[in-house]
Amino acid sequence: MPIKTISKISLMIAIFILCSWISIPTIIPFTLQTFILFLLPLLCSMYDVFICLLCYLLMGFLGFPVFANFQGGIHHLLGLTGGYLLGFIPSMIFLFITKPIWKNNTIYYAILAFVSLCICYLFGSFWFFFLYNQTHTASIFFVFTICVYPFIIPDIIKIGLAIYVSKRLSKKTNAY
């Protein structure tokens, strides 16, 4: 792998970590992870984004404090909110598959990024539901109420912001 690619992926990982640390602590923290998750595919190759995401999750798995609130460790990936972190993978796979549709089309990207976000929500919510019901009793509606509904509007705004920032950066770097 060329040094330029390694440097770019390293920078992407660092930015992903910084966006994870910017958080408002709740049961599922409000972070800027989804902002960077949807910005990177607009600026970088999907291969680079996928490597970045896997390295980020691996670092968290190994205990590096890369997740929200400077947390890390396998218990975070296997805990209640780990499904949302792991849900980034099927979410990005969906964007990989649909790239021919959204490449060079902002409206299609916004729609497919939202569908991708819903995939992450579903993955994480069912993970949360399964683990939460090991010790408590909750309906899927309860899980959606605390884990999805409060995040929908902020995450839609983050997708829009990612599109805006990518257009601004592409004017400077011709990356889009």
N, C-alpha and C. Protein backbone atom coordinates (compact mmCIF):
# COMPACT_ATOMS: atom_id res chain seq x y z
N MET A 1 0.86 -1.17 0.00
CA MET A 1 0.00 0.00 0.00
C MET A 1 0.90 1.24 0.00
N PRO A 2 0.65 2.18 -0.89
CA PRO A 2 1.50 3.38 -0.97
C PRO A 2 1.42 4.24 0.31
N ILE A 3 2.49 4.95 0.58
CA ILE A 3 2.56 5.83 1.75
C ILE A 3 1.43 6.87 1.73
N LYS A 4 1.12 7.40 0.56
CA LYS A 4 0.06 8.39 0.43
C LYS A 4 -1.28 7.82 0.91
N THR A 5 -1.59 6.59 0.56
CA THR A 5 -2.84 5.94 0.97
C THR A 5 -2.83 5.68 2.47
N ILE A 6 -1.71 5.20 2.98
CA ILE A 6 -1.59 4.94 4.43
C ILE A 6 -1.78 6.25 5.20
N SER A 7 -1.17 7.32 4.72
CA SER A 7 -1.30 8.62 5.39
C SER A 7 -2.75 9.10 5.36
N LYS A 8 -3.40 8.95 4.22
CA LYS A 8 -4.80 9.39 4.09
C LYS A 8 -5.70 8.60 5.03
N ILE A 9 -5.53 7.29 5.08
CA ILE A 9 -6.35 6.45 5.96
C ILE A 9 -6.07 6.80 7.42
N SER A 10 -4.82 7.04 7.76
CA SER A 10 -4.48 7.42 9.14
C SER A 10 -5.14 8.73 9.53
N LEU A 11 -5.14 9.68 8.62
CA LEU A 11 -5.81 10.96 8.88
C LEU A 11 -7.31 10.76 9.04
N MET A 12 -7.90 9.90 8.20
CA MET A 12 -9.33 9.62 8.31
C MET A 12 -9.66 8.99 9.67
N ILE A 13 -8.82 8.07 10.12
CA ILE A 13 -9.04 7.43 11.43
C ILE A 13 -8.96 8.48 12.53
N ALA A 14 -7.97 9.36 12.45
CA ALA A 14 -7.83 10.41 13.47
C ALA A 14 -9.06 11.31 13.49
N ILE A 15 -9.55 11.68 12.33
CA ILE A 15 -10.75 12.53 12.27
C ILE A 15 -11.96 11.78 12.81
N PHE A 16 -12.06 10.50 12.49
CA PHE A 16 -13.17 9.67 13.00
C PHE A 16 -13.14 9.64 14.53
N ILE A 17 -11.94 9.46 15.09
CA ILE A 17 -11.79 9.42 16.55
C ILE A 17 -12.18 10.76 17.16
N LEU A 18 -11.70 11.86 16.58
CA LEU A 18 -12.06 13.18 17.09
C LEU A 18 -13.58 13.40 17.06
N CYS A 19 -14.22 12.97 15.99
CA CYS A 19 -15.67 13.13 15.89
C CYS A 19 -16.41 12.24 16.89
N SER A 20 -15.79 11.13 17.28
CA SER A 20 -16.38 10.26 18.30
C SER A 20 -16.29 10.91 19.68
N TRP A 21 -15.21 11.61 19.90
CA TRP A 21 -15.00 12.24 21.21
C TRP A 21 -15.89 13.45 21.42
N ILE A 22 -16.35 14.07 20.36
CA ILE A 22 -17.28 15.19 20.48
C ILE A 22 -18.66 14.59 20.71
N SER A 23 -19.07 14.55 21.98
CA SER A 23 -20.31 13.83 22.29
C SER A 23 -21.07 14.47 23.44
N ILE A 24 -22.36 14.17 23.43
CA ILE A 24 -23.24 14.51 24.54
C ILE A 24 -23.65 13.18 25.16
N PRO A 25 -23.23 12.91 26.40
CA PRO A 25 -23.50 11.59 26.97
C PRO A 25 -24.98 11.38 27.29
N THR A 26 -25.53 10.31 26.75
CA THR A 26 -26.87 9.81 27.07
C THR A 26 -26.75 8.29 27.04
N ILE A 27 -27.86 7.57 27.10
CA ILE A 27 -27.79 6.11 27.02
C ILE A 27 -27.01 5.71 25.77
N ILE A 28 -27.37 6.33 24.66
CA ILE A 28 -26.60 6.21 23.42
C ILE A 28 -26.11 7.61 23.14
N PRO A 29 -24.81 7.86 23.26
CA PRO A 29 -24.31 9.23 23.16
C PRO A 29 -24.57 9.88 21.79
N PHE A 30 -24.87 11.16 21.82
CA PHE A 30 -24.93 11.96 20.60
C PHE A 30 -23.49 12.30 20.23
N THR A 31 -23.04 11.85 19.06
CA THR A 31 -21.68 12.13 18.63
C THR A 31 -21.69 12.66 17.20
N LEU A 32 -20.51 12.99 16.71
CA LEU A 32 -20.38 13.38 15.31
C LEU A 32 -19.90 12.21 14.44
N GLN A 33 -19.98 10.99 14.97
CA GLN A 33 -19.56 9.82 14.21
C GLN A 33 -20.34 9.70 12.91
N THR A 34 -21.65 9.89 12.96
CA THR A 34 -22.44 9.74 11.74
C THR A 34 -22.10 10.84 10.73
N PHE A 35 -21.73 12.01 11.22
CA PHE A 35 -21.30 13.07 10.30
C PHE A 35 -20.09 12.62 9.49
N ILE A 36 -19.07 12.14 10.18
CA ILE A 36 -17.85 11.74 9.49
C ILE A 36 -18.08 10.46 8.69
N LEU A 37 -18.95 9.58 9.20
CA LEU A 37 -19.27 8.34 8.49
C LEU A 37 -19.86 8.63 7.12
N PHE A 38 -20.67 9.68 7.01
CA PHE A 38 -21.29 10.02 5.74
C PHE A 38 -20.52 11.06 4.93
N LEU A 39 -19.54 11.70 5.55
CA LEU A 39 -18.67 12.63 4.81
C LEU A 39 -17.57 11.88 4.06
N LEU A 40 -16.96 10.92 4.71
CA LEU A 40 -15.81 10.24 4.11
C LEU A 40 -16.12 9.57 2.77
N PRO A 41 -17.27 8.90 2.59
CA PRO A 41 -17.52 8.30 1.27
C PRO A 41 -17.61 9.32 0.14
N LEU A 42 -17.94 10.56 0.48
CA LEU A 42 -18.01 11.60 -0.54
C LEU A 42 -16.64 12.14 -0.92
N LEU A 43 -15.67 11.96 -0.05
CA LEU A 43 -14.34 12.53 -0.29
C LEU A 43 -13.27 11.50 -0.63
N CYS A 44 -13.49 10.25 -0.25
CA CYS A 44 -12.45 9.23 -0.39
C CYS A 44 -13.02 8.00 -1.08
N SER A 45 -12.12 7.12 -1.48
CA SER A 45 -12.58 5.87 -2.09
C SER A 45 -13.28 5.02 -1.03
N MET A 46 -14.20 4.21 -1.47
CA MET A 46 -14.92 3.36 -0.53
C MET A 46 -13.98 2.35 0.13
N TYR A 47 -12.97 1.90 -0.60
CA TYR A 47 -11.97 1.00 -0.01
C TYR A 47 -11.28 1.68 1.16
N ASP A 48 -10.85 2.90 0.97
CA ASP A 48 -10.17 3.64 2.04
C ASP A 48 -11.10 3.86 3.24
N VAL A 49 -12.35 4.19 2.97
CA VAL A 49 -13.32 4.41 4.05
C VAL A 49 -13.53 3.11 4.83
N PHE A 50 -13.64 2.00 4.12
CA PHE A 50 -13.87 0.72 4.78
C PHE A 50 -12.67 0.33 5.64
N ILE A 51 -11.46 0.52 5.13
CA ILE A 51 -10.25 0.24 5.92
C ILE A 51 -10.21 1.13 7.16
N CYS A 52 -10.55 2.40 6.98
CA CYS A 52 -10.60 3.35 8.11
C CYS A 52 -11.57 2.85 9.18
N LEU A 53 -12.77 2.47 8.74
CA LEU A 53 -13.79 2.02 9.68
C LEU A 53 -13.36 0.75 10.41
N LEU A 54 -12.80 -0.20 9.68
CA LEU A 54 -12.34 -1.44 10.33
C LEU A 54 -11.21 -1.17 11.31
N CYS A 55 -10.28 -0.30 10.96
CA CYS A 55 -9.18 0.05 11.88
C CYS A 55 -9.72 0.74 13.12
N TYR A 56 -10.67 1.65 12.93
CA TYR A 56 -11.30 2.36 14.05
C TYR A 56 -11.95 1.36 15.01
N LEU A 57 -12.74 0.44 14.47
CA LEU A 57 -13.41 -0.55 15.32
C LEU A 57 -12.41 -1.49 15.98
N LEU A 58 -11.37 -1.86 15.25
CA LEU A 58 -10.33 -2.72 15.82
C LEU A 58 -9.61 -2.01 16.97
N MET A 59 -9.31 -0.73 16.78
CA MET A 59 -8.66 0.02 17.85
C MET A 59 -9.55 0.06 19.10
N GLY A 60 -10.83 0.31 18.91
CA GLY A 60 -11.77 0.29 20.03
C GLY A 60 -11.84 -1.08 20.68
N PHE A 61 -11.89 -2.12 19.87
CA PHE A 61 -11.92 -3.49 20.36
C PHE A 61 -10.70 -3.78 21.23
N LEU A 62 -9.53 -3.29 20.81
CA LEU A 62 -8.29 -3.53 21.54
C LEU A 62 -8.15 -2.68 22.80
N GLY A 63 -9.09 -1.76 23.02
CA GLY A 63 -9.07 -0.99 24.25
C GLY A 63 -8.60 0.44 24.12
N PHE A 64 -8.22 0.86 22.92
CA PHE A 64 -7.84 2.26 22.74
C PHE A 64 -9.08 3.14 22.96
N PRO A 65 -8.93 4.29 23.58
CA PRO A 65 -10.10 5.13 23.90
C PRO A 65 -10.60 5.93 22.69
N VAL A 66 -11.13 5.22 21.70
CA VAL A 66 -11.52 5.87 20.45
C VAL A 66 -13.03 6.11 20.35
N PHE A 67 -13.81 5.51 21.25
CA PHE A 67 -15.26 5.66 21.18
C PHE A 67 -15.70 6.89 21.97
N ALA A 68 -16.98 7.16 21.95
CA ALA A 68 -17.53 8.32 22.66
C ALA A 68 -17.08 8.31 24.12
N ASN A 69 -16.89 9.50 24.65
CA ASN A 69 -16.47 9.69 26.04
C ASN A 69 -15.14 9.01 26.35
N PHE A 70 -14.26 8.96 25.35
CA PHE A 70 -12.91 8.40 25.51
C PHE A 70 -12.94 6.96 26.02
N GLN A 71 -13.86 6.18 25.51
CA GLN A 71 -14.02 4.79 25.92
C GLN A 71 -13.43 3.86 24.87
N GLY A 72 -13.14 2.66 25.28
CA GLY A 72 -12.66 1.63 24.38
C GLY A 72 -12.76 0.28 25.07
N GLY A 73 -12.55 -0.76 24.34
CA GLY A 73 -12.58 -2.11 24.90
C GLY A 73 -13.66 -2.96 24.28
N ILE A 74 -13.44 -4.27 24.37
CA ILE A 74 -14.38 -5.22 23.79
C ILE A 74 -15.77 -5.10 24.42
N HIS A 75 -15.82 -4.73 25.70
CA HIS A 75 -17.11 -4.62 26.38
C HIS A 75 -17.99 -3.53 25.76
N HIS A 76 -17.40 -2.54 25.11
CA HIS A 76 -18.20 -1.51 24.44
C HIS A 76 -18.78 -2.04 23.13
N LEU A 77 -18.02 -2.87 22.45
CA LEU A 77 -18.54 -3.46 21.21
C LEU A 77 -19.56 -4.56 21.49
N LEU A 78 -19.42 -5.22 22.62
CA LEU A 78 -20.35 -6.29 22.97
C LEU A 78 -21.46 -5.82 23.90
N GLY A 79 -21.42 -4.55 24.30
CA GLY A 79 -22.41 -4.00 25.21
C GLY A 79 -23.65 -3.48 24.47
N LEU A 80 -24.51 -2.81 25.20
CA LEU A 80 -25.79 -2.35 24.66
C LEU A 80 -25.65 -1.50 23.41
N THR A 81 -24.67 -0.63 23.38
CA THR A 81 -24.54 0.28 22.24
C THR A 81 -23.57 -0.22 21.16
N GLY A 82 -22.96 -1.36 21.39
CA GLY A 82 -22.01 -1.90 20.42
C GLY A 82 -22.62 -2.19 19.06
N GLY A 83 -23.90 -2.51 19.05
CA GLY A 83 -24.57 -2.80 17.79
C GLY A 83 -24.61 -1.61 16.85
N TYR A 84 -24.65 -0.42 17.43
CA TYR A 84 -24.64 0.79 16.58
C TYR A 84 -23.26 0.99 15.96
N LEU A 85 -22.21 0.73 16.74
CA LEU A 85 -20.85 0.82 16.20
C LEU A 85 -20.63 -0.23 15.12
N LEU A 86 -21.02 -1.47 15.41
CA LEU A 86 -20.87 -2.54 14.43
C LEU A 86 -21.82 -2.34 13.25
N GLY A 87 -22.92 -1.64 13.49
CA GLY A 87 -23.87 -1.34 12.42
C GLY A 87 -23.30 -0.41 11.36
N PHE A 88 -22.19 0.25 11.69
CA PHE A 88 -21.52 1.08 10.67
C PHE A 88 -21.08 0.22 9.48
N ILE A 89 -20.73 -1.04 9.75
CA ILE A 89 -20.22 -1.91 8.69
C ILE A 89 -21.30 -2.22 7.64
N PRO A 90 -22.47 -2.78 8.03
CA PRO A 90 -23.49 -3.01 6.99
C PRO A 90 -23.98 -1.70 6.37
N SER A 91 -23.95 -0.64 7.14
CA SER A 91 -24.34 0.67 6.62
C SER A 91 -23.41 1.10 5.49
N MET A 92 -22.10 0.95 5.70
CA MET A 92 -21.14 1.33 4.67
C MET A 92 -21.14 0.34 3.50
N ILE A 93 -21.40 -0.94 3.78
CA ILE A 93 -21.50 -1.91 2.69
C ILE A 93 -22.64 -1.52 1.76
N PHE A 94 -23.76 -1.09 2.35
CA PHE A 94 -24.88 -0.63 1.52
C PHE A 94 -24.46 0.55 0.65
N LEU A 95 -23.71 1.50 1.22
CA LEU A 95 -23.24 2.63 0.41
C LEU A 95 -22.25 2.18 -0.66
N PHE A 96 -21.42 1.17 -0.35
CA PHE A 96 -20.53 0.60 -1.37
C PHE A 96 -21.34 0.09 -2.56
N ILE A 97 -22.35 -0.70 -2.25
CA ILE A 97 -23.16 -1.33 -3.29
C ILE A 97 -23.90 -0.30 -4.13
N THR A 98 -24.36 0.76 -3.50
CA THR A 98 -25.18 1.76 -4.21
C THR A 98 -24.38 2.92 -4.78
N LYS A 99 -23.07 2.88 -4.68
CA LYS A 99 -22.26 4.00 -5.18
C LYS A 99 -22.51 4.34 -6.64
N PRO A 100 -22.72 3.36 -7.54
CA PRO A 100 -23.01 3.75 -8.92
C PRO A 100 -24.29 4.60 -9.05
N ILE A 101 -25.19 4.45 -8.12
CA ILE A 101 -26.44 5.22 -8.16
C ILE A 101 -26.22 6.65 -7.67
N TRP A 102 -25.49 6.80 -6.56
CA TRP A 102 -25.37 8.13 -5.95
C TRP A 102 -24.13 8.91 -6.36
N LYS A 103 -23.19 8.26 -6.99
CA LYS A 103 -21.97 8.98 -7.38
C LYS A 103 -22.36 10.17 -8.27
N ASN A 104 -21.95 11.36 -7.91
CA ASN A 104 -22.22 12.60 -8.64
C ASN A 104 -23.68 13.05 -8.57
N ASN A 105 -24.47 12.51 -7.64
CA ASN A 105 -25.85 12.94 -7.49
C ASN A 105 -26.16 13.15 -6.01
N THR A 106 -26.22 14.40 -5.61
CA THR A 106 -26.41 14.75 -4.20
C THR A 106 -27.73 14.26 -3.64
N ILE A 107 -28.80 14.40 -4.40
CA ILE A 107 -30.12 13.98 -3.91
C ILE A 107 -30.14 12.47 -3.67
N TYR A 108 -29.62 11.70 -4.62
CA TYR A 108 -29.58 10.25 -4.44
C TYR A 108 -28.70 9.88 -3.25
N TYR A 109 -27.59 10.60 -3.10
CA TYR A 109 -26.72 10.31 -1.96
C TYR A 109 -27.46 10.56 -0.65
N ALA A 110 -28.15 11.68 -0.55
CA ALA A 110 -28.89 11.99 0.68
C ALA A 110 -29.91 10.90 1.00
N ILE A 111 -30.63 10.45 -0.01
CA ILE A 111 -31.64 9.42 0.20
C ILE A 111 -30.99 8.10 0.61
N LEU A 112 -29.95 7.71 -0.12
CA LEU A 112 -29.30 6.42 0.18
C LEU A 112 -28.49 6.48 1.47
N ALA A 113 -27.97 7.64 1.82
CA ALA A 113 -27.30 7.79 3.12
C ALA A 113 -28.31 7.62 4.25
N PHE A 114 -29.53 8.14 4.06
CA PHE A 114 -30.57 7.95 5.07
C PHE A 114 -30.96 6.47 5.18
N VAL A 115 -31.09 5.79 4.06
CA VAL A 115 -31.38 4.35 4.09
C VAL A 115 -30.24 3.62 4.81
N SER A 116 -29.01 4.01 4.50
CA SER A 116 -27.85 3.43 5.16
C SER A 116 -27.90 3.67 6.67
N LEU A 117 -28.29 4.87 7.05
CA LEU A 117 -28.45 5.20 8.47
C LEU A 117 -29.51 4.31 9.11
N CYS A 118 -30.60 4.07 8.40
CA CYS A 118 -31.67 3.20 8.91
C CYS A 118 -31.17 1.78 9.11
N ILE A 119 -30.29 1.32 8.23
CA ILE A 119 -29.69 0.00 8.39
C ILE A 119 -28.89 -0.04 9.70
N CYS A 120 -28.13 1.00 9.95
CA CYS A 120 -27.36 1.09 11.20
C CYS A 120 -28.30 1.12 12.41
N TYR A 121 -29.37 1.92 12.32
CA TYR A 121 -30.36 1.99 13.40
C TYR A 121 -30.96 0.61 13.68
N LEU A 122 -31.35 -0.10 12.62
CA LEU A 122 -31.97 -1.42 12.80
C LEU A 122 -31.00 -2.40 13.43
N PHE A 123 -29.79 -2.44 12.91
CA PHE A 123 -28.78 -3.35 13.44
C PHE A 123 -28.54 -3.05 14.92
N GLY A 124 -28.30 -1.79 15.24
CA GLY A 124 -28.02 -1.40 16.62
C GLY A 124 -29.22 -1.58 17.54
N SER A 125 -30.40 -1.27 17.05
CA SER A 125 -31.60 -1.37 17.89
C SER A 125 -31.93 -2.81 18.23
N PHE A 126 -31.81 -3.72 17.27
CA PHE A 126 -32.08 -5.12 17.57
C PHE A 126 -31.01 -5.70 18.49
N TRP A 127 -29.78 -5.25 18.33
CA TRP A 127 -28.70 -5.65 19.24
C TRP A 127 -29.03 -5.16 20.66
N PHE A 128 -29.39 -3.88 20.78
CA PHE A 128 -29.74 -3.29 22.06
C PHE A 128 -30.93 -4.05 22.66
N PHE A 129 -31.97 -4.30 21.86
CA PHE A 129 -33.18 -5.00 22.30
C PHE A 129 -32.83 -6.38 22.86
N PHE A 130 -32.03 -7.12 22.12
CA PHE A 130 -31.66 -8.47 22.55
C PHE A 130 -30.89 -8.43 23.87
N LEU A 131 -29.89 -7.58 23.97
CA LEU A 131 -29.08 -7.52 25.19
C LEU A 131 -29.86 -6.93 26.37
N TYR A 132 -30.64 -5.90 26.13
CA TYR A 132 -31.42 -5.27 27.21
C TYR A 132 -32.42 -6.26 27.80
N ASN A 133 -33.00 -7.07 26.93
CA ASN A 133 -34.00 -8.04 27.40
C ASN A 133 -33.39 -9.24 28.10
N GLN A 134 -32.08 -9.31 28.18
CA GLN A 134 -31.44 -10.35 28.98
C GLN A 134 -31.64 -10.09 30.47
N THR A 135 -31.72 -8.82 30.85
CA THR A 135 -31.86 -8.46 32.27
C THR A 135 -33.12 -7.65 32.57
N HIS A 136 -33.76 -7.10 31.56
CA HIS A 136 -34.96 -6.30 31.73
C HIS A 136 -36.01 -6.78 30.74
N THR A 137 -37.15 -6.14 30.77
CA THR A 137 -38.18 -6.43 29.78
C THR A 137 -38.51 -5.13 29.07
N ALA A 138 -38.38 -5.15 27.76
CA ALA A 138 -38.67 -3.95 26.99
C ALA A 138 -39.21 -4.35 25.63
N SER A 139 -40.06 -3.50 25.10
CA SER A 139 -40.58 -3.72 23.75
C SER A 139 -39.64 -3.08 22.75
N ILE A 140 -39.78 -3.47 21.50
CA ILE A 140 -38.98 -2.84 20.45
C ILE A 140 -39.36 -1.37 20.32
N PHE A 141 -40.61 -1.04 20.60
CA PHE A 141 -41.04 0.36 20.58
C PHE A 141 -40.27 1.17 21.62
N PHE A 142 -40.08 0.61 22.81
CA PHE A 142 -39.30 1.28 23.86
C PHE A 142 -37.87 1.52 23.38
N VAL A 143 -37.28 0.50 22.76
CA VAL A 143 -35.91 0.63 22.27
C VAL A 143 -35.83 1.73 21.22
N PHE A 144 -36.76 1.74 20.26
CA PHE A 144 -36.76 2.79 19.24
C PHE A 144 -36.97 4.17 19.87
N THR A 145 -37.77 4.22 20.93
CA THR A 145 -38.04 5.50 21.59
C THR A 145 -36.79 6.10 22.21
N ILE A 146 -35.94 5.26 22.80
CA ILE A 146 -34.74 5.81 23.44
C ILE A 146 -33.50 5.76 22.55
N CYS A 147 -33.50 4.89 21.55
CA CYS A 147 -32.28 4.68 20.76
C CYS A 147 -32.33 5.23 19.34
N VAL A 148 -33.51 5.51 18.81
CA VAL A 148 -33.60 5.95 17.42
C VAL A 148 -34.27 7.31 17.30
N TYR A 149 -35.46 7.44 17.82
CA TYR A 149 -36.24 8.67 17.62
C TYR A 149 -35.49 9.95 17.98
N PRO A 150 -34.76 9.99 19.11
CA PRO A 150 -34.05 11.24 19.43
C PRO A 150 -32.91 11.57 18.45
N PHE A 151 -32.48 10.58 17.67
CA PHE A 151 -31.31 10.76 16.81
C PHE A 151 -31.66 11.04 15.35
N ILE A 152 -32.90 10.80 14.96
CA ILE A 152 -33.26 10.91 13.54
C ILE A 152 -32.98 12.30 12.99
N ILE A 153 -33.52 13.33 13.60
CA ILE A 153 -33.34 14.69 13.07
C ILE A 153 -31.88 15.13 13.14
N PRO A 154 -31.18 14.94 14.27
CA PRO A 154 -29.77 15.32 14.27
C PRO A 154 -28.96 14.57 13.21
N ASP A 155 -29.27 13.29 12.98
CA ASP A 155 -28.51 12.53 11.98
C ASP A 155 -28.85 12.96 10.56
N ILE A 156 -30.08 13.34 10.31
CA ILE A 156 -30.43 13.89 8.99
C ILE A 156 -29.68 15.20 8.76
N ILE A 157 -29.59 16.01 9.79
CA ILE A 157 -28.83 17.27 9.69
C ILE A 157 -27.36 16.96 9.42
N LYS A 158 -26.81 15.93 10.07
CA LYS A 158 -25.41 15.56 9.86
C LYS A 158 -25.18 15.08 8.43
N ILE A 159 -26.13 14.35 7.86
CA ILE A 159 -26.00 13.93 6.46
C ILE A 159 -25.98 15.16 5.56
N GLY A 160 -26.90 16.09 5.80
CA GLY A 160 -26.91 17.33 5.02
C GLY A 160 -25.63 18.12 5.19
N LEU A 161 -25.14 18.19 6.41
CA LEU A 161 -23.88 18.89 6.68
C LEU A 161 -22.71 18.20 5.98
N ALA A 162 -22.71 16.87 5.97
CA ALA A 162 -21.65 16.13 5.28
C ALA A 162 -21.66 16.45 3.79
N ILE A 163 -22.83 16.52 3.20
CA ILE A 163 -22.94 16.85 1.78
C ILE A 163 -22.43 18.28 1.54
N TYR A 164 -22.83 19.21 2.39
CA TYR A 164 -22.40 20.60 2.26
C TYR A 164 -20.88 20.72 2.38
N VAL A 165 -20.32 20.10 3.41
CA VAL A 165 -18.87 20.17 3.64
C VAL A 165 -18.13 19.52 2.48
N SER A 166 -18.63 18.40 1.97
CA SER A 166 -17.93 17.74 0.86
C SER A 166 -17.93 18.61 -0.38
N LYS A 167 -19.01 19.32 -0.63
CA LYS A 167 -19.05 20.22 -1.79
C LYS A 167 -18.07 21.37 -1.60
N ARG A 168 -18.01 21.92 -0.39
CA ARG A 168 -17.07 23.01 -0.11
C ARG A 168 -15.62 22.52 -0.26
N LEU A 169 -15.34 21.34 0.27
CA LEU A 169 -13.99 20.80 0.17
C LEU A 169 -13.64 20.41 -1.27
N SER A 170 -14.63 19.92 -2.01
CA SER A 170 -14.34 19.51 -3.39
C SER A 170 -14.00 20.71 -4.26
N LYS A 171 -14.54 21.88 -3.94
CA LYS A 171 -14.17 23.07 -4.68
C LYS A 171 -12.70 23.42 -4.45
N LYS A 172 -12.21 23.09 -3.26
CA LYS A 172 -10.82 23.39 -2.91
C LYS A 172 -9.85 22.30 -3.40
N THR A 173 -10.35 21.03 -3.42
CA THR A 173 -9.43 19.92 -3.71
C THR A 173 -9.78 19.12 -4.94
N ASN A 174 -10.92 19.41 -5.57
CA ASN A 174 -11.42 18.61 -6.71
C ASN A 174 -11.59 17.15 -6.32
N ALA A 175 -12.03 16.90 -5.07
CA ALA A 175 -12.17 15.54 -4.58
C ALA A 175 -13.52 14.92 -4.90
N TYR A 176 -14.52 15.68 -5.21
CA TYR A 176 -15.88 15.13 -5.39
C TYR A 176 -16.07 14.53 -6.74
